[in-house]
Each structure stands twice: as C-alpha cells, then as structure tokens.
C-alpha cells in the first residue's frame, strides 16, 4: 500500500489505513513503537504493549522474543513462504 510522508509540526508522519488499525485493535491516540531495521532499511511499527499485557506477559521474555524475531526475520520470512 503506497503512502506519502507528510509534515506534522517539526516531525513527519504516515497515515495508516483504517483496516489495519481495526485488525490491530488500534485507534487515534494508541501508542506504537517505531524502529529502523538497519539490515533491511525498513521502518517497523509495532503496537506498544499495554498495561493489561504487562500484567500477564513477562516483559523480559517478550523482549527476548522480539530480539529473536528481529535477528532472524529474513529466515522466518523465508520459512513462512514455503
């Protein structure tokens, strides 16, 4: 889905289609994490972990899983396409 980068104050933003927000249970005001995958030069936007998840998920374990996925993303993507 092609989008344009737009100025927002002293920063820039990209609109996210409503269908994607709905599937991820996000809305205006929801927090997301924005990261750069320097190996692939891709911007990664992840929904922020809400307090309800923090109560049920070990944050250290979730962080380790996230690091694993980021490190092995190309291999995981290749496996998912087989």
N, C-alpha and C. Protein backbone atom coordinates (compact mmCIF):
# COMPACT_ATOMS: atom_id res chain seq x y z
N UNK A 1 0.84 -1.16 0.00
CA UNK A 1 0.00 0.00 0.00
C UNK A 1 0.90 1.24 0.00
N UNK A 2 0.78 2.03 -1.01
CA UNK A 2 1.62 3.22 -1.16
C UNK A 2 1.07 4.37 -0.32
N UNK A 3 1.94 5.02 0.44
CA UNK A 3 1.57 6.16 1.28
C UNK A 3 2.60 7.25 1.11
N UNK A 4 2.21 8.49 1.41
CA UNK A 4 3.13 9.62 1.36
C UNK A 4 3.51 10.04 2.77
N UNK A 5 4.72 10.53 2.92
CA UNK A 5 5.18 11.10 4.18
C UNK A 5 4.71 12.54 4.22
N UNK A 6 4.06 12.93 5.31
CA UNK A 6 3.50 14.28 5.45
C UNK A 6 4.12 14.98 6.65
N UNK A 7 4.31 16.31 6.56
CA UNK A 7 4.82 17.05 7.71
C UNK A 7 3.76 17.14 8.81
N UNK A 8 4.21 16.95 10.05
CA UNK A 8 3.36 17.11 11.22
C UNK A 8 4.18 17.91 12.23
N UNK A 9 3.96 19.21 12.29
CA UNK A 9 4.78 20.06 13.16
C UNK A 9 6.22 20.01 12.71
N UNK A 10 7.14 19.70 13.64
CA UNK A 10 8.56 19.59 13.32
C UNK A 10 8.96 18.16 12.96
N UNK A 11 7.97 17.26 12.85
CA UNK A 11 8.22 15.86 12.52
C UNK A 11 7.50 15.51 11.23
N UNK A 12 7.47 14.22 10.94
CA UNK A 12 6.78 13.73 9.76
C UNK A 12 5.97 12.50 10.14
N UNK A 13 4.94 12.20 9.35
CA UNK A 13 4.10 11.06 9.65
C UNK A 13 3.59 10.39 8.39
N UNK A 14 3.05 9.19 8.58
CA UNK A 14 2.45 8.42 7.50
C UNK A 14 1.09 7.96 8.00
N UNK A 15 0.06 8.11 7.19
CA UNK A 15 -1.26 7.63 7.61
C UNK A 15 -1.30 6.11 7.53
N UNK A 16 -2.03 5.51 8.45
CA UNK A 16 -2.19 4.06 8.49
C UNK A 16 -3.64 3.77 8.12
N UNK A 17 -3.86 2.89 7.13
CA UNK A 17 -5.23 2.60 6.71
C UNK A 17 -6.10 2.09 7.87
N UNK A 18 -7.36 2.50 7.85
CA UNK A 18 -8.30 2.13 8.91
C UNK A 18 -8.41 0.62 9.06
N UNK A 19 -8.38 -0.13 7.94
CA UNK A 19 -8.49 -1.59 8.01
C UNK A 19 -7.38 -2.20 8.85
N UNK A 20 -6.17 -1.67 8.72
CA UNK A 20 -5.03 -2.18 9.50
C UNK A 20 -5.21 -1.83 10.97
N UNK A 21 -5.61 -0.61 11.25
CA UNK A 21 -5.84 -0.20 12.64
C UNK A 21 -6.91 -1.08 13.29
N UNK A 22 -7.97 -1.36 12.55
CA UNK A 22 -9.05 -2.19 13.09
C UNK A 22 -8.55 -3.59 13.41
N UNK A 23 -7.79 -4.19 12.50
CA UNK A 23 -7.28 -5.55 12.72
C UNK A 23 -6.33 -5.62 13.92
N UNK A 24 -5.61 -4.53 14.18
CA UNK A 24 -4.66 -4.50 15.29
C UNK A 24 -5.27 -3.92 16.56
N UNK A 25 -6.56 -3.59 16.51
CA UNK A 25 -7.27 -3.00 17.66
C UNK A 25 -6.60 -1.71 18.11
N UNK A 26 -6.21 -0.88 17.14
CA UNK A 26 -5.60 0.41 17.42
C UNK A 26 -6.57 1.52 17.02
N UNK A 27 -6.38 2.68 17.62
CA UNK A 27 -7.22 3.84 17.29
C UNK A 27 -6.40 5.10 17.50
N UNK A 28 -6.97 6.24 17.18
CA UNK A 28 -6.28 7.51 17.40
C UNK A 28 -5.88 7.60 18.86
N UNK A 29 -4.63 7.91 19.12
CA UNK A 29 -4.13 8.01 20.48
C UNK A 29 -3.43 6.75 20.97
N UNK A 30 -3.58 5.62 20.25
CA UNK A 30 -2.88 4.39 20.64
C UNK A 30 -1.37 4.61 20.48
N UNK A 31 -0.61 4.00 21.35
CA UNK A 31 0.84 4.13 21.28
C UNK A 31 1.44 3.00 20.45
N UNK A 32 2.46 3.36 19.65
CA UNK A 32 3.19 2.39 18.85
C UNK A 32 4.68 2.64 19.03
N UNK A 33 5.47 1.61 18.76
CA UNK A 33 6.93 1.75 18.77
C UNK A 33 7.39 1.80 17.33
N UNK A 34 8.28 2.76 17.03
CA UNK A 34 8.80 2.90 15.68
C UNK A 34 10.30 2.62 15.73
N UNK A 35 10.73 1.64 14.92
CA UNK A 35 12.13 1.24 14.89
C UNK A 35 12.61 1.13 13.46
N UNK A 36 13.92 1.18 13.29
CA UNK A 36 14.55 1.02 11.99
C UNK A 36 15.32 -0.29 11.99
N UNK A 37 15.01 -1.17 11.03
CA UNK A 37 15.80 -2.38 10.82
C UNK A 37 16.92 -1.97 9.87
N UNK A 38 18.10 -1.77 10.42
CA UNK A 38 19.21 -1.24 9.62
C UNK A 38 19.71 -2.23 8.59
N UNK A 39 19.50 -3.53 8.81
CA UNK A 39 19.94 -4.53 7.84
C UNK A 39 19.10 -4.47 6.57
N UNK A 40 17.82 -4.20 6.71
CA UNK A 40 16.92 -4.20 5.56
C UNK A 40 16.44 -2.80 5.18
N UNK A 41 16.87 -1.79 5.96
CA UNK A 41 16.42 -0.41 5.75
C UNK A 41 14.91 -0.30 5.74
N UNK A 42 14.26 -0.96 6.70
CA UNK A 42 12.81 -0.92 6.81
C UNK A 42 12.40 -0.27 8.12
N UNK A 43 11.32 0.48 8.05
CA UNK A 43 10.72 1.07 9.25
C UNK A 43 9.75 0.04 9.81
N UNK A 44 9.84 -0.24 11.09
CA UNK A 44 8.98 -1.22 11.73
C UNK A 44 8.12 -0.50 12.76
N UNK A 45 6.82 -0.65 12.64
CA UNK A 45 5.89 -0.04 13.59
C UNK A 45 5.17 -1.17 14.31
N UNK A 46 5.36 -1.24 15.62
CA UNK A 46 4.73 -2.27 16.45
C UNK A 46 3.79 -1.61 17.45
N UNK A 47 2.61 -2.21 17.68
CA UNK A 47 1.76 -1.71 18.75
C UNK A 47 2.51 -1.78 20.08
N UNK A 48 2.41 -0.74 20.88
CA UNK A 48 3.06 -0.74 22.20
C UNK A 48 2.34 -1.74 23.10
N UNK A 49 3.09 -2.35 24.00
CA UNK A 49 2.49 -3.28 24.95
C UNK A 49 1.68 -2.48 25.96
N UNK A 50 0.42 -2.81 26.08
CA UNK A 50 -0.45 -2.09 27.01
C UNK A 50 -0.29 -2.63 28.42
N UNK A 51 -0.79 -1.90 29.39
CA UNK A 51 -0.65 -2.33 30.78
C UNK A 51 -1.34 -3.66 31.03
N UNK A 52 -2.42 -3.95 30.31
CA UNK A 52 -3.09 -5.24 30.53
C UNK A 52 -2.19 -6.40 30.12
N UNK A 53 -1.39 -6.20 29.05
CA UNK A 53 -0.46 -7.24 28.65
C UNK A 53 0.70 -7.34 29.64
N UNK A 54 1.13 -6.20 30.16
CA UNK A 54 2.25 -6.21 31.09
C UNK A 54 1.94 -7.04 32.33
N UNK A 55 0.68 -7.11 32.68
CA UNK A 55 0.31 -7.89 33.86
C UNK A 55 0.34 -9.38 33.60
N UNK A 56 0.22 -9.80 32.34
CA UNK A 56 0.13 -11.23 32.03
C UNK A 56 1.35 -11.78 31.30
N UNK A 57 2.20 -10.90 30.75
CA UNK A 57 3.36 -11.34 29.97
C UNK A 57 4.63 -10.87 30.66
N UNK A 58 5.59 -11.78 30.76
CA UNK A 58 6.89 -11.43 31.31
C UNK A 58 7.61 -10.51 30.31
N UNK A 59 7.84 -9.27 30.70
CA UNK A 59 8.41 -8.26 29.81
C UNK A 59 9.79 -8.68 29.31
N UNK A 60 10.61 -9.28 30.17
CA UNK A 60 11.94 -9.71 29.75
C UNK A 60 11.84 -10.78 28.66
N UNK A 61 10.92 -11.73 28.84
CA UNK A 61 10.72 -12.78 27.84
C UNK A 61 10.22 -12.18 26.53
N UNK A 62 9.27 -11.26 26.61
CA UNK A 62 8.74 -10.61 25.41
C UNK A 62 9.85 -9.87 24.68
N UNK A 63 10.75 -9.24 25.42
CA UNK A 63 11.87 -8.52 24.82
C UNK A 63 12.81 -9.51 24.10
N UNK A 64 13.04 -10.65 24.72
CA UNK A 64 13.90 -11.68 24.11
C UNK A 64 13.27 -12.21 22.83
N UNK A 65 11.97 -12.43 22.85
CA UNK A 65 11.27 -12.91 21.65
C UNK A 65 11.37 -11.87 20.54
N UNK A 66 11.18 -10.60 20.89
CA UNK A 66 11.26 -9.53 19.90
C UNK A 66 12.66 -9.47 19.29
N UNK A 67 13.70 -9.58 20.11
CA UNK A 67 15.08 -9.58 19.61
C UNK A 67 15.32 -10.77 18.69
N UNK A 68 14.80 -11.95 19.06
CA UNK A 68 14.94 -13.15 18.25
C UNK A 68 14.31 -12.93 16.88
N UNK A 69 13.09 -12.40 16.87
CA UNK A 69 12.38 -12.18 15.62
C UNK A 69 13.13 -11.17 14.75
N UNK A 70 13.62 -10.08 15.35
CA UNK A 70 14.36 -9.08 14.59
C UNK A 70 15.64 -9.67 14.01
N UNK A 71 16.33 -10.49 14.79
CA UNK A 71 17.60 -11.08 14.34
C UNK A 71 17.38 -12.10 13.23
N UNK A 72 16.34 -12.92 13.36
CA UNK A 72 16.10 -14.00 12.40
C UNK A 72 14.97 -13.68 11.41
N UNK A 73 14.60 -12.41 11.28
CA UNK A 73 13.48 -12.03 10.41
C UNK A 73 13.61 -12.57 8.99
N UNK A 74 14.79 -12.45 8.32
CA UNK A 74 14.87 -12.99 6.95
C UNK A 74 14.62 -14.50 6.89
N UNK A 75 15.17 -15.25 7.83
CA UNK A 75 14.97 -16.70 7.82
C UNK A 75 13.51 -17.04 8.12
N UNK A 76 12.89 -16.34 9.06
CA UNK A 76 11.49 -16.59 9.39
C UNK A 76 10.59 -16.24 8.21
N UNK A 77 10.91 -15.16 7.52
CA UNK A 77 10.12 -14.78 6.36
C UNK A 77 10.23 -15.83 5.27
N UNK A 78 11.45 -16.31 5.04
CA UNK A 78 11.67 -17.35 4.03
C UNK A 78 10.89 -18.62 4.39
N UNK A 79 10.93 -19.00 5.65
CA UNK A 79 10.20 -20.20 6.08
C UNK A 79 8.68 -20.03 5.92
N UNK A 80 8.19 -18.84 6.15
CA UNK A 80 6.75 -18.63 6.06
C UNK A 80 6.24 -18.69 4.63
N UNK A 81 7.15 -18.54 3.66
CA UNK A 81 6.76 -18.56 2.26
C UNK A 81 6.86 -19.94 1.63
N UNK A 82 7.27 -20.94 2.43
CA UNK A 82 7.39 -22.31 1.89
C UNK A 82 6.15 -23.09 2.12
